[in-house]
Amino acid sequence: MSDAAAVPANELKLQTSPWKDAQVVKCSGRLTAEHSQALKSHVQSLLPHTKRIIVDLAEVTRMDSGGLGAVIAAYVAAKKCKCELTLVNYNKSIRDLLGLANLLSIFEQCAEVDMRLP
């Protein structure tokens, strides 16, 4: 029962739910420059209330440099608030993009963990 089919091809949907000691932000659709502010704002709205955020990218169909910038901005904002931000379930193209930006070492361990999310 995936919501990805309900997300128009050129949009980003963010859905947040609690899981254990964290807030899970499930992203569906395109994480591109036109949607980057939505992710940054969403994560920043969670920061005063949680110390762990998991960004689930399993249903992201495309990510560009603007989306990468949003992920980095969210990570930096989380660190400033002493919050842990992890990425999970990203695909090979996102992994390659992180590698090209020399950011894979920051997020690689997170993706290797087999997290079963609700």
PDB file of N, CA and C in Angstrom:
ATOM      1  N   MET A   1       0.837  -1.177   0.000  1.00  0.00           N
ATOM      2  CA  MET A   1       0.000   0.000   0.000  1.00  0.00           C
ATOM      3  C   MET A   1       0.879   1.236   0.000  1.00  0.00           C
ATOM      4  N   SER A   2       1.308   1.598  -1.180  1.00  0.00           N
ATOM      5  CA  SER A   2       2.209   2.713  -1.374  1.00  0.00           C
ATOM      6  C   SER A   2       1.455   3.946  -1.815  1.00  0.00           C
ATOM      7  N   ASP A   3       1.824   5.095  -1.236  1.00  0.00           N
ATOM      8  CA  ASP A   3       1.215   6.360  -1.627  1.00  0.00           C
ATOM      9  C   ASP A   3       1.894   6.968  -2.836  1.00  0.00           C
ATOM     10  N   ALA A   4       2.981   6.374  -3.311  1.00  0.00           N
ATOM     11  CA  ALA A   4       3.755   6.963  -4.400  1.00  0.00           C
ATOM     12  C   ALA A   4       2.905   7.133  -5.654  1.00  0.00           C
ATOM     13  N   ALA A   5       1.992   6.210  -5.918  1.00  0.00           N
ATOM     14  CA  ALA A   5       1.151   6.313  -7.097  1.00  0.00           C
ATOM     15  C   ALA A   5       0.228   7.519  -7.007  1.00  0.00           C
ATOM     16  N   ALA A   6      -0.130   7.919  -5.796  1.00  0.00           N
ATOM     17  CA  ALA A   6      -1.024   9.054  -5.593  1.00  0.00           C
ATOM     18  C   ALA A   6      -0.290  10.389  -5.722  1.00  0.00           C
ATOM     19  N   VAL A   7       1.027  10.381  -5.722  1.00  0.00           N
ATOM     20  CA  VAL A   7       1.812  11.608  -5.810  1.00  0.00           C
ATOM     21  C   VAL A   7       2.058  11.919  -7.279  1.00  0.00           C
ATOM     22  N   PRO A   8       1.611  13.101  -7.757  1.00  0.00           N
ATOM     23  CA  PRO A   8       1.895  13.467  -9.147  1.00  0.00           C
ATOM     24  C   PRO A   8       3.398  13.429  -9.412  1.00  0.00           C
ATOM     25  N   ALA A   9       3.763  13.136 -10.656  1.00  0.00           N
ATOM     26  CA  ALA A   9       5.161  12.920 -11.032  1.00  0.00           C
ATOM     27  C   ALA A   9       6.071  14.099 -10.720  1.00  0.00           C
ATOM     28  N   ASN A  10       5.533  15.302 -10.665  1.00  0.00           N
ATOM     29  CA  ASN A  10       6.384  16.474 -10.453  1.00  0.00           C
ATOM     30  C   ASN A  10       6.244  17.070  -9.059  1.00  0.00           C
ATOM     31  N   GLU A  11       5.752  16.309  -8.103  1.00  0.00           N
ATOM     32  CA  GLU A  11       5.550  16.821  -6.753  1.00  0.00           C
ATOM     33  C   GLU A  11       6.309  16.013  -5.709  1.00  0.00           C
ATOM     34  N   LEU A  12       6.354  16.582  -4.502  1.00  0.00           N
ATOM     35  CA  LEU A  12       6.958  15.916  -3.352  1.00  0.00           C
ATOM     36  C   LEU A  12       5.919  15.869  -2.240  1.00  0.00           C
ATOM     37  N   LYS A  13       5.757  14.711  -1.663  1.00  0.00           N
ATOM     38  CA  LYS A  13       4.846  14.543  -0.535  1.00  0.00           C
ATOM     39  C   LYS A  13       5.677  14.165   0.686  1.00  0.00           C
ATOM     40  N   LEU A  14       5.425  14.824   1.805  1.00  0.00           N
ATOM     41  CA  LEU A  14       6.122  14.534   3.058  1.00  0.00           C
ATOM     42  C   LEU A  14       5.097  14.068   4.077  1.00  0.00           C
ATOM     43  N   GLN A  15       5.357  12.929   4.681  1.00  0.00           N
ATOM     44  CA  GLN A  15       4.457  12.373   5.687  1.00  0.00           C
ATOM     45  C   GLN A  15       5.282  12.025   6.916  1.00  0.00           C
ATOM     46  N   THR A  16       4.898  12.535   8.068  1.00  0.00           N
ATOM     47  CA  THR A  16       5.654  12.317   9.295  1.00  0.00           C
ATOM     48  C   THR A  16       4.873  11.444  10.257  1.00  0.00           C
ATOM     49  N   SER A  17       5.596  10.517  10.882  1.00  0.00           N
ATOM     50  CA  SER A  17       4.985   9.666  11.890  1.00  0.00           C
ATOM     51  C   SER A  17       6.029   9.324  12.952  1.00  0.00           C
ATOM     52  N   PRO A  18       5.583   9.129  14.194  1.00  0.00           N
ATOM     53  CA  PRO A  18       6.527   8.741  15.245  1.00  0.00           C
ATOM     54  C   PRO A  18       6.904   7.270  15.087  1.00  0.00           C
ATOM     55  N   TRP A  19       8.149   6.963  15.436  1.00  0.00           N
ATOM     56  CA  TRP A  19       8.625   5.579  15.433  1.00  0.00           C
ATOM     57  C   TRP A  19       9.705   5.467  16.488  1.00  0.00           C
ATOM     58  N   LYS A  20       9.455   4.640  17.482  1.00  0.00           N
ATOM     59  CA  LYS A  20      10.365   4.491  18.617  1.00  0.00           C
ATOM     60  C   LYS A  20      10.697   5.873  19.180  1.00  0.00           C
ATOM     61  N   ASP A  21      11.990   6.237  19.204  1.00  0.00           N
ATOM     62  CA  ASP A  21      12.401   7.528  19.783  1.00  0.00           C
ATOM     63  C   ASP A  21      12.601   8.603  18.712  1.00  0.00           C
ATOM     64  N   ALA A  22      12.012   8.401  17.534  1.00  0.00           N
ATOM     65  CA  ALA A  22      12.285   9.299  16.412  1.00  0.00           C
ATOM     66  C   ALA A  22      11.002   9.750  15.723  1.00  0.00           C
ATOM     67  N   GLN A  23      11.183  10.721  14.843  1.00  0.00           N
ATOM     68  CA  GLN A  23      10.138  11.122  13.909  1.00  0.00           C
ATOM     69  C   GLN A  23      10.612  10.682  12.528  1.00  0.00           C
ATOM     70  N   VAL A  24       9.777   9.938  11.813  1.00  0.00           N
ATOM     71  CA  VAL A  24      10.114   9.467  10.479  1.00  0.00           C
ATOM     72  C   VAL A  24       9.444  10.379   9.461  1.00  0.00           C
ATOM     73  N   VAL A  25      10.249  10.939   8.572  1.00  0.00           N
ATOM     74  CA  VAL A  25       9.730  11.771   7.487  1.00  0.00           C
ATOM     75  C   VAL A  25       9.829  10.939   6.218  1.00  0.00           C
ATOM     76  N   LYS A  26       8.685  10.486   5.746  1.00  0.00           N
ATOM     77  CA  LYS A  26       8.639   9.670   4.532  1.00  0.00           C
ATOM     78  C   LYS A  26       8.435  10.596   3.340  1.00  0.00           C
ATOM     79  N   CYS A  27       9.384  10.552   2.416  1.00  0.00           N
ATOM     80  CA  CYS A  27       9.338  11.398   1.220  1.00  0.00           C
ATOM     81  C   CYS A  27       8.861  10.559   0.039  1.00  0.00           C
ATOM     82  N   SER A  28       7.941  11.111  -0.733  1.00  0.00           N
ATOM     83  CA  SER A  28       7.440  10.444  -1.934  1.00  0.00           C
ATOM     84  C   SER A  28       7.459  11.444  -3.082  1.00  0.00           C
ATOM     85  N   GLY A  29       7.909  10.996  -4.238  1.00  0.00           N
ATOM     86  CA  GLY A  29       7.924  11.861  -5.411  1.00  0.00           C
ATOM     87  C   GLY A  29       9.318  12.366  -5.723  1.00  0.00           C
ATOM     88  N   ARG A  30       9.395  13.615  -6.191  1.00  0.00           N
ATOM     89  CA  ARG A  30      10.652  14.214  -6.642  1.00  0.00           C
ATOM     90  C   ARG A  30      11.204  15.172  -5.595  1.00  0.00           C
ATOM     91  N   LEU A  31      12.417  14.931  -5.182  1.00  0.00           N
ATOM     92  CA  LEU A  31      13.114  15.836  -4.265  1.00  0.00           C
ATOM     93  C   LEU A  31      14.077  16.658  -5.116  1.00  0.00           C
ATOM     94  N   THR A  32      13.550  17.745  -5.665  1.00  0.00           N
ATOM     95  CA  THR A  32      14.307  18.580  -6.597  1.00  0.00           C
ATOM     96  C   THR A  32      14.341  20.017  -6.083  1.00  0.00           C
ATOM     97  N   ALA A  33      15.030  20.878  -6.814  1.00  0.00           N
ATOM     98  CA  ALA A  33      15.199  22.271  -6.401  1.00  0.00           C
ATOM     99  C   ALA A  33      13.860  22.948  -6.108  1.00  0.00           C
ATOM    100  N   GLU A  34      12.854  22.675  -6.913  1.00  0.00           N
ATOM    101  CA  GLU A  34      11.562  23.321  -6.703  1.00  0.00           C
ATOM    102  C   GLU A  34      10.858  22.865  -5.423  1.00  0.00           C
ATOM    103  N   HIS A  35      11.282  21.741  -4.842  1.00  0.00           N
ATOM    104  CA  HIS A  35      10.662  21.220  -3.626  1.00  0.00           C
ATOM    105  C   HIS A  35      11.598  21.245  -2.417  1.00  0.00           C
ATOM    106  N   SER A  36      12.795  21.752  -2.608  1.00  0.00           N
ATOM    107  CA  SER A  36      13.798  21.684  -1.540  1.00  0.00           C
ATOM    108  C   SER A  36      13.373  22.459  -0.293  1.00  0.00           C
ATOM    109  N   GLN A  37      12.741  23.602  -0.474  1.00  0.00           N
ATOM    110  CA  GLN A  37      12.322  24.404   0.679  1.00  0.00           C
ATOM    111  C   GLN A  37      11.299  23.659   1.538  1.00  0.00           C
ATOM    112  N   ALA A  38      10.458  22.858   0.912  1.00  0.00           N
ATOM    113  CA  ALA A  38       9.449  22.098   1.657  1.00  0.00           C
ATOM    114  C   ALA A  38      10.113  21.128   2.636  1.00  0.00           C
ATOM    115  N   LEU A  39      11.145  20.419   2.183  1.00  0.00           N
ATOM    116  CA  LEU A  39      11.835  19.479   3.074  1.00  0.00           C
ATOM    117  C   LEU A  39      12.563  20.229   4.190  1.00  0.00           C
ATOM    118  N   LYS A  40      13.272  21.293   3.840  1.00  0.00           N
ATOM    119  CA  LYS A  40      14.006  22.062   4.861  1.00  0.00           C
ATOM    120  C   LYS A  40      13.051  22.593   5.922  1.00  0.00           C
ATOM    121  N   SER A  41      11.949  23.187   5.497  1.00  0.00           N
ATOM    122  CA  SER A  41      10.981  23.753   6.445  1.00  0.00           C
ATOM    123  C   SER A  41      10.350  22.672   7.311  1.00  0.00           C
ATOM    124  N   HIS A  42      10.051  21.547   6.692  1.00  0.00           N
ATOM    125  CA  HIS A  42       9.415  20.455   7.429  1.00  0.00           C
ATOM    126  C   HIS A  42      10.331  19.926   8.529  1.00  0.00           C
ATOM    127  N   VAL A  43      11.575  19.674   8.175  1.00  0.00           N
ATOM    128  CA  VAL A  43      12.535  19.174   9.166  1.00  0.00           C
ATOM    129  C   VAL A  43      12.748  20.221  10.266  1.00  0.00           C
ATOM    130  N   GLN A  44      12.888  21.478   9.907  1.00  0.00           N
ATOM    131  CA  GLN A  44      13.094  22.523  10.910  1.00  0.00           C
ATOM    132  C   GLN A  44      11.909  22.635  11.860  1.00  0.00           C
ATOM    133  N   SER A  45      10.698  22.361  11.386  1.00  0.00           N
ATOM    134  CA  SER A  45       9.529  22.414  12.265  1.00  0.00           C
ATOM    135  C   SER A  45       9.541  21.288  13.297  1.00  0.00           C
ATOM    136  N   LEU A  46      10.243  20.202  12.992  1.00  0.00           N
ATOM    137  CA  LEU A  46      10.327  19.068  13.918  1.00  0.00           C
ATOM    138  C   LEU A  46      11.425  19.238  14.969  1.00  0.00           C
ATOM    139  N   LEU A  47      12.423  20.053  14.661  1.00  0.00           N
ATOM    140  CA  LEU A  47      13.616  20.134  15.511  1.00  0.00           C
ATOM    141  C   LEU A  47      13.359  20.539  16.965  1.00  0.00           C
ATOM    142  N   PRO A  48      12.498  21.448  17.241  1.00  0.00           N
ATOM    143  CA  PRO A  48      12.329  21.772  18.667  1.00  0.00           C
ATOM    144  C   PRO A  48      11.689  20.643  19.483  1.00  0.00           C
ATOM    145  N   HIS A  49      11.109  19.659  18.778  1.00  0.00           N
ATOM    146  CA  HIS A  49      10.311  18.646  19.466  1.00  0.00           C
ATOM    147  C   HIS A  49      10.909  17.250  19.484  1.00  0.00           C
ATOM    148  N   THR A  50      12.015  17.041  18.806  1.00  0.00           N
ATOM    149  CA  THR A  50      12.575  15.692  18.737  1.00  0.00           C
ATOM    150  C   THR A  50      14.096  15.751  18.695  1.00  0.00           C
ATOM    151  N   LYS A  51      14.717  14.669  19.074  1.00  0.00           N
ATOM    152  CA  LYS A  51      16.181  14.580  19.046  1.00  0.00           C
ATOM    153  C   LYS A  51      16.663  13.590  18.002  1.00  0.00           C
ATOM    154  N   ARG A  52      15.729  12.997  17.232  1.00  0.00           N
ATOM    155  CA  ARG A  52      16.123  12.059  16.185  1.00  0.00           C
ATOM    156  C   ARG A  52      15.108  12.124  15.055  1.00  0.00           C
ATOM    157  N   ILE A  53      15.606  12.346  13.840  1.00  0.00           N
ATOM    158  CA  ILE A  53      14.762  12.396  12.651  1.00  0.00           C
ATOM    159  C   ILE A  53      15.315  11.408  11.632  1.00  0.00           C
ATOM    160  N   ILE A  54      14.430  10.586  11.094  1.00  0.00           N
ATOM    161  CA  ILE A  54      14.800   9.619  10.067  1.00  0.00           C
ATOM    162  C   ILE A  54      14.093  10.048   8.783  1.00  0.00           C
ATOM    163  N   VAL A  55      14.860  10.316   7.754  1.00  0.00           N
ATOM    164  CA  VAL A  55      14.301  10.699   6.457  1.00  0.00           C
ATOM    165  C   VAL A  55      14.316   9.458   5.569  1.00  0.00           C
ATOM    166  N   ASP A  56      13.120   8.960   5.264  1.00  0.00           N
ATOM    167  CA  ASP A  56      12.959   7.745   4.464  1.00  0.00           C
ATOM    168  C   ASP A  56      12.779   8.144   2.999  1.00  0.00           C
ATOM    169  N   LEU A  57      13.745   7.767   2.171  1.00  0.00           N
ATOM    170  CA  LEU A  57      13.739   8.159   0.760  1.00  0.00           C
ATOM    171  C   LEU A  57      13.323   7.012  -0.166  1.00  0.00           C
ATOM    172  N   ALA A  58      12.677   5.989   0.364  1.00  0.00           N
ATOM    173  CA  ALA A  58      12.329   4.809  -0.426  1.00  0.00           C
ATOM    174  C   ALA A  58      11.453   5.146  -1.628  1.00  0.00           C
ATOM    175  N   GLU A  59      10.593   6.131  -1.505  1.00  0.00           N
ATOM    176  CA  GLU A  59       9.657   6.449  -2.588  1.00  0.00           C
ATOM    177  C   GLU A  59      10.033   7.725  -3.332  1.00  0.00           C
ATOM    178  N   VAL A  60      11.294   8.150  -3.208  1.00  0.00           N
ATOM    179  CA  VAL A  60      11.770   9.304  -3.976  1.00  0.00           C
ATOM    180  C   VAL A  60      12.154   8.805  -5.363  1.00  0.00           C
ATOM    181  N   THR A  61      11.519   9.380  -6.367  1.00  0.00           N
ATOM    182  CA  THR A  61      11.750   8.947  -7.745  1.00  0.00           C
ATOM    183  C   THR A  61      12.904   9.687  -8.402  1.00  0.00           C
ATOM    184  N   ARG A  62      13.216  10.886  -7.908  1.00  0.00           N
ATOM    185  CA  ARG A  62      14.321  11.667  -8.471  1.00  0.00           C
ATOM    186  C   ARG A  62      14.813  12.660  -7.440  1.00  0.00           C
ATOM    187  N   MET A  63      16.138  12.831  -7.393  1.00  0.00           N
ATOM    188  CA  MET A  63      16.730  13.857  -6.537  1.00  0.00           C
ATOM    189  C   MET A  63      17.818  14.550  -7.339  1.00  0.00           C
ATOM    190  N   ASP A  64      17.807  15.890  -7.318  1.00  0.00           N
ATOM    191  CA  ASP A  64      18.841  16.661  -8.008  1.00  0.00           C
ATOM    192  C   ASP A  64      19.690  17.413  -6.986  1.00  0.00           C
ATOM    193  N   SER A  65      20.546  18.314  -7.475  1.00  0.00           N
ATOM    194  CA  SER A  65      21.432  19.048  -6.572  1.00  0.00           C
ATOM    195  C   SER A  65      20.649  19.926  -5.591  1.00  0.00           C
ATOM    196  N   GLY A  66      19.489  20.418  -6.003  1.00  0.00           N
ATOM    197  CA  GLY A  66      18.650  21.198  -5.082  1.00  0.00           C
ATOM    198  C   GLY A  66      18.121  20.335  -3.945  1.00  0.00           C
ATOM    199  N   GLY A  67      17.734  19.112  -4.271  1.00  0.00           N
ATOM    200  CA  GLY A  67      17.293  18.171  -3.239  1.00  0.00           C
ATOM    201  C   GLY A  67      18.431  17.787  -2.316  1.00  0.00           C
ATOM    202  N   LEU A  68      19.614  17.618  -2.897  1.00  0.00           N
ATOM    203  CA  LEU A  68      20.805  17.336  -2.095  1.00  0.00           C
ATOM    204  C   LEU A  68      21.086  18.493  -1.142  1.00  0.00           C
ATOM    205  N   GLY A  69      20.945  19.713  -1.649  1.00  0.00           N
ATOM    206  CA  GLY A  69      21.130  20.890  -0.802  1.00  0.00           C
ATOM    207  C   GLY A  69      20.141  20.925   0.352  1.00  0.00           C
ATOM    208  N   ALA A  70      18.907  20.512   0.090  1.00  0.00           N
ATOM    209  CA  ALA A  70      17.890  20.464   1.147  1.00  0.00           C
ATOM    210  C   ALA A  70      18.251  19.447   2.221  1.00  0.00           C
ATOM    211  N   VAL A  71      18.760  18.293   1.786  1.00  0.00           N
ATOM    212  CA  VAL A  71      19.180  17.257   2.741  1.00  0.00           C
ATOM    213  C   VAL A  71      20.338  17.774   3.596  1.00  0.00           C
ATOM    214  N   ILE A  72      21.298  18.436   2.962  1.00  0.00           N
ATOM    215  CA  ILE A  72      22.443  18.984   3.695  1.00  0.00           C
ATOM    216  C   ILE A  72      21.992  20.071   4.670  1.00  0.00           C
ATOM    217  N   ALA A  73      21.112  20.968   4.219  1.00  0.00           N
ATOM    218  CA  ALA A  73      20.609  22.032   5.100  1.00  0.00           C
ATOM    219  C   ALA A  73      19.859  21.446   6.294  1.00  0.00           C
ATOM    220  N   ALA A  74      19.075  20.405   6.049  1.00  0.00           N
ATOM    221  CA  ALA A  74      18.349  19.748   7.136  1.00  0.00           C
ATOM    222  C   ALA A  74      19.320  19.098   8.115  1.00  0.00           C
ATOM    223  N   TYR A  75      20.366  18.467   7.591  1.00  0.00           N
ATOM    224  CA  TYR A  75      21.379  17.822   8.426  1.00  0.00           C
ATOM    225  C   TYR A  75      22.094  18.853   9.303  1.00  0.00           C
ATOM    226  N   VAL A  76      22.485  19.980   8.710  1.00  0.00           N
ATOM    227  CA  VAL A  76      23.184  21.031   9.456  1.00  0.00           C
ATOM    228  C   VAL A  76      22.270  21.629  10.529  1.00  0.00           C
ATOM    229  N   ALA A  77      21.019  21.893  10.171  1.00  0.00           N
ATOM    230  CA  ALA A  77      20.066  22.445  11.149  1.00  0.00           C
ATOM    231  C   ALA A  77      19.856  21.471  12.305  1.00  0.00           C
ATOM    232  N   ALA A  78      19.770  20.180  11.984  1.00  0.00           N
ATOM    233  CA  ALA A  78      19.593  19.169  13.031  1.00  0.00           C
ATOM    234  C   ALA A  78      20.799  19.132  13.963  1.00  0.00           C
ATOM    235  N   LYS A  79      22.000  19.154  13.387  1.00  0.00           N
ATOM    236  CA  LYS A  79      23.217  19.133  14.215  1.00  0.00           C
ATOM    237  C   LYS A  79      23.267  20.331  15.154  1.00  0.00           C
ATOM    238  N   LYS A  80      22.859  21.501  14.672  1.00  0.00           N
ATOM    239  CA  LYS A  80      22.858  22.707  15.511  1.00  0.00           C
ATOM    240  C   LYS A  80      21.922  22.562  16.703  1.00  0.00           C
ATOM    241  N   CYS A  81      20.871  21.774  16.529  1.00  0.00           N
ATOM    242  CA  CYS A  81      19.903  21.547  17.615  1.00  0.00           C
ATOM    243  C   CYS A  81      20.191  20.265  18.384  1.00  0.00           C
ATOM    244  N   LYS A  82      21.390  19.707  18.161  1.00  0.00           N
ATOM    245  CA  LYS A  82      21.786  18.464  18.819  1.00  0.00           C
ATOM    246  C   LYS A  82      20.789  17.337  18.530  1.00  0.00           C
ATOM    247  N   CYS A  83      20.367  17.289  17.289  1.00  0.00           N
ATOM    248  CA  CYS A  83      19.426  16.278  16.814  1.00  0.00           C
ATOM    249  C   CYS A  83      20.151  15.401  15.797  1.00  0.00           C
ATOM    250  N   GLU A  84      19.877  14.109  15.828  1.00  0.00           N
ATOM    251  CA  GLU A  84      20.463  13.177  14.873  1.00  0.00           C
ATOM    252  C   GLU A  84      19.538  13.065  13.668  1.00  0.00           C
ATOM    253  N   LEU A  85      20.064  13.294  12.469  1.00  0.00           N
ATOM    254  CA  LEU A  85      19.295  13.134  11.241  1.00  0.00           C
ATOM    255  C   LEU A  85      19.938  12.037  10.414  1.00  0.00           C
ATOM    256  N   THR A  86      19.149  11.045  10.055  1.00  0.00           N
ATOM    257  CA  THR A  86      19.662   9.942   9.252  1.00  0.00           C
ATOM    258  C   THR A  86      18.808   9.775   8.000  1.00  0.00           C
ATOM    259  N   LEU A  87      19.441   9.294   6.950  1.00  0.00           N
ATOM    260  CA  LEU A  87      18.756   8.952   5.708  1.00  0.00           C
ATOM    261  C   LEU A  87      18.673   7.441   5.619  1.00  0.00           C
ATOM    262  N   VAL A  88      17.524   6.933   5.206  1.00  0.00           N
ATOM    263  CA  VAL A  88      17.375   5.487   5.028  1.00  0.00           C
ATOM    264  C   VAL A  88      16.686   5.212   3.699  1.00  0.00           C
ATOM    265  N   ASN A  89      16.918   4.014   3.220  1.00  0.00           N
ATOM    266  CA  ASN A  89      16.225   3.488   2.037  1.00  0.00           C
ATOM    267  C   ASN A  89      16.422   4.327   0.781  1.00  0.00           C
ATOM    268  N   TYR A  90      17.621   4.873   0.595  1.00  0.00           N
ATOM    269  CA  TYR A  90      17.828   5.615  -0.651  1.00  0.00           C
ATOM    270  C   TYR A  90      18.338   4.684  -1.739  1.00  0.00           C
ATOM    271  N   ASN A  91      18.000   5.026  -2.972  1.00  0.00           N
ATOM    272  CA  ASN A  91      18.338   4.179  -4.111  1.00  0.00           C
ATOM    273  C   ASN A  91      19.750   4.454  -4.631  1.00  0.00           C
ATOM    274  N   LYS A  92      20.132   3.715  -5.669  1.00  0.00           N
ATOM    275  CA  LYS A  92      21.479   3.820  -6.202  1.00  0.00           C
ATOM    276  C   LYS A  92      21.775   5.209  -6.760  1.00  0.00           C
ATOM    277  N   SER A  93      20.816   5.843  -7.423  1.00  0.00           N
ATOM    278  CA  SER A  93      21.088   7.166  -7.994  1.00  0.00           C
ATOM    279  C   SER A  93      21.312   8.206  -6.894  1.00  0.00           C
ATOM    280  N   ILE A  94      20.594   8.098  -5.792  1.00  0.00           N
ATOM    281  CA  ILE A  94      20.817   9.018  -4.664  1.00  0.00           C
ATOM    282  C   ILE A  94      22.160   8.710  -4.014  1.00  0.00           C
ATOM    283  N   ARG A  95      22.468   7.439  -3.903  1.00  0.00           N
ATOM    284  CA  ARG A  95      23.775   7.041  -3.352  1.00  0.00           C
ATOM    285  C   ARG A  95      24.903   7.602  -4.216  1.00  0.00           C
ATOM    286  N   ASP A  96      24.749   7.513  -5.536  1.00  0.00           N
ATOM    287  CA  ASP A  96      25.757   8.049  -6.448  1.00  0.00           C
ATOM    288  C   ASP A  96      25.891   9.560  -6.297  1.00  0.00           C
ATOM    289  N   LEU A  97      24.763  10.261  -6.148  1.00  0.00           N
ATOM    290  CA  LEU A  97      24.789  11.711  -5.968  1.00  0.00           C
ATOM    291  C   LEU A  97      25.509  12.085  -4.667  1.00  0.00           C
ATOM    292  N   LEU A  98      25.243  11.355  -3.602  1.00  0.00           N
ATOM    293  CA  LEU A  98      25.951  11.592  -2.338  1.00  0.00           C
ATOM    294  C   LEU A  98      27.440  11.339  -2.500  1.00  0.00           C
ATOM    295  N   GLY A  99      27.787  10.315  -3.273  1.00  0.00           N
ATOM    296  CA  GLY A  99      29.193   9.997  -3.524  1.00  0.00           C
ATOM    297  C   GLY A  99      29.894  11.083  -4.314  1.00  0.00           C
ATOM    298  N   LEU A 100      29.240  11.607  -5.339  1.00  0.00           N
ATOM    299  CA  LEU A 100      29.822  12.683  -6.140  1.00  0.00           C
ATOM    300  C   LEU A 100      30.084  13.938  -5.312  1.00  0.00           C
ATOM    301  N   ALA A 101      29.233  14.165  -4.319  1.00  0.00           N
ATOM    302  CA  ALA A 101      29.380  15.339  -3.458  1.00  0.00           C
ATOM    303  C   ALA A 101      30.276  15.063  -2.248  1.00  0.00           C
ATOM    304  N   ASN A 102      30.897  13.885  -2.220  1.00  0.00           N
ATOM    305  CA  ASN A 102      31.747  13.474  -1.089  1.00  0.00           C
ATOM    306  C   ASN A 102      30.998  13.506   0.246  1.00  0.00           C
ATOM    307  N   LEU A 103      29.724  13.145   0.218  1.00  0.00           N
ATOM    308  CA  LEU A 103      28.904  13.133   1.426  1.00  0.00           C
ATOM    309  C   LEU A 103      28.483  11.729   1.828  1.00  0.00           C
ATOM    310  N   LEU A 104      28.907  10.766   1.062  1.00  0.00           N
ATOM    311  CA  LEU A 104      28.475   9.396   1.327  1.00  0.00           C
ATOM    312  C   LEU A 104      28.901   8.914   2.706  1.00  0.00           C
ATOM    313  N   SER A 105      30.077   9.320   3.159  1.00  0.00           N
ATOM    314  CA  SER A 105      30.557   8.865   4.472  1.00  0.00           C
ATOM    315  C   SER A 105      29.653   9.349   5.607  1.00  0.00           C
ATOM    316  N   ILE A 106      28.990  10.471   5.412  1.00  0.00           N
ATOM    317  CA  ILE A 106      28.093  10.995   6.446  1.00  0.00           C
ATOM    318  C   ILE A 106      26.834  10.145   6.539  1.00  0.00           C
ATOM    319  N   PHE A 107      26.316   9.703   5.395  1.00  0.00           N
ATOM    320  CA  PHE A 107      25.026   9.030   5.370  1.00  0.00           C
ATOM    321  C   PHE A 107      25.086   7.530   5.107  1.00  0.00           C
ATOM    322  N   GLU A 108      26.228   6.989   4.710  1.00  0.00           N
ATOM    323  CA  GLU A 108      26.309   5.595   4.297  1.00  0.00           C
ATOM    324  C   GLU A 108      25.940   4.616   5.407  1.00  0.00           C
ATOM    325  N   GLN A 109      26.445   4.810   6.602  1.00  0.00           N
ATOM    326  CA  GLN A 109      26.147   3.879   7.688  1.00  0.00           C
ATOM    327  C   GLN A 109      24.655   3.821   7.971  1.00  0.00           C
ATOM    328  N   CYS A 110      23.988   4.943   7.845  1.00  0.00           N
ATOM    329  CA  CYS A 110      22.555   4.981   8.114  1.00  0.00           C
ATOM    330  C   CYS A 110      21.788   4.098   7.143  1.00  0.00           C
ATOM    331  N   ALA A 111      22.173   4.129   5.881  1.00  0.00           N
ATOM    332  CA  ALA A 111      21.453   3.378   4.860  1.00  0.00           C
ATOM    333  C   ALA A 111      21.710   1.886   4.957  1.00  0.00           C
ATOM    334  N   GLU A 112      22.834   1.506   5.536  1.00  0.00           N
ATOM    335  CA  GLU A 112      23.147   0.090   5.630  1.00  0.00           C
ATOM    336  C   GLU A 112      22.332  -0.601   6.719  1.00  0.00           C
ATOM    337  N   VAL A 113      21.822   0.162   7.651  1.00  0.00           N
ATOM    338  CA  VAL A 113      21.014  -0.408   8.721  1.00  0.00           C
ATOM    339  C   VAL A 113      19.664  -0.816   8.149  1.00  0.00           C
ATOM    340  N   ASP A 114      19.273  -2.053   8.377  1.00  0.00           N
ATOM    341  CA  ASP A 114      17.989  -2.531   7.879  1.00  0.00           C
ATOM    342  C   ASP A 114      16.903  -2.082   8.847  1.00  0.00           C
ATOM    343  N   MET A 115      16.368  -0.908   8.597  1.00  0.00           N
ATOM    344  CA  MET A 115      15.351  -0.353   9.495  1.00  0.00           C
ATOM    345  C   MET A 115      13.971  -0.722   8.974  1.00  0.00           C
ATOM    346  N   ARG A 116      13.214  -1.368   9.777  1.00  0.00           N
ATOM    347  CA  ARG A 116      11.847  -1.689   9.413  1.00  0.00           C
ATOM    348  C   ARG A 116      10.955  -0.609  10.000  1.00  0.00           C
ATOM    349  N   LEU A 117      10.498   0.254   9.103  1.00  0.00           N
ATOM    350  CA  LEU A 117       9.704   1.396   9.524  1.00  0.00           C
ATOM    351  C   LEU A 117       8.226   1.083   9.334  1.00  0.00           C
ATOM    352  N   PRO A 118       7.389   1.740  10.108  1.00  0.00           N
ATOM    353  CA  PRO A 118       5.947   1.491   9.973  1.00  0.00           C
ATOM    354  C   PRO A 118       5.416   1.923   8.622  1.00  0.00           C
TER     355      PRO A 118
END
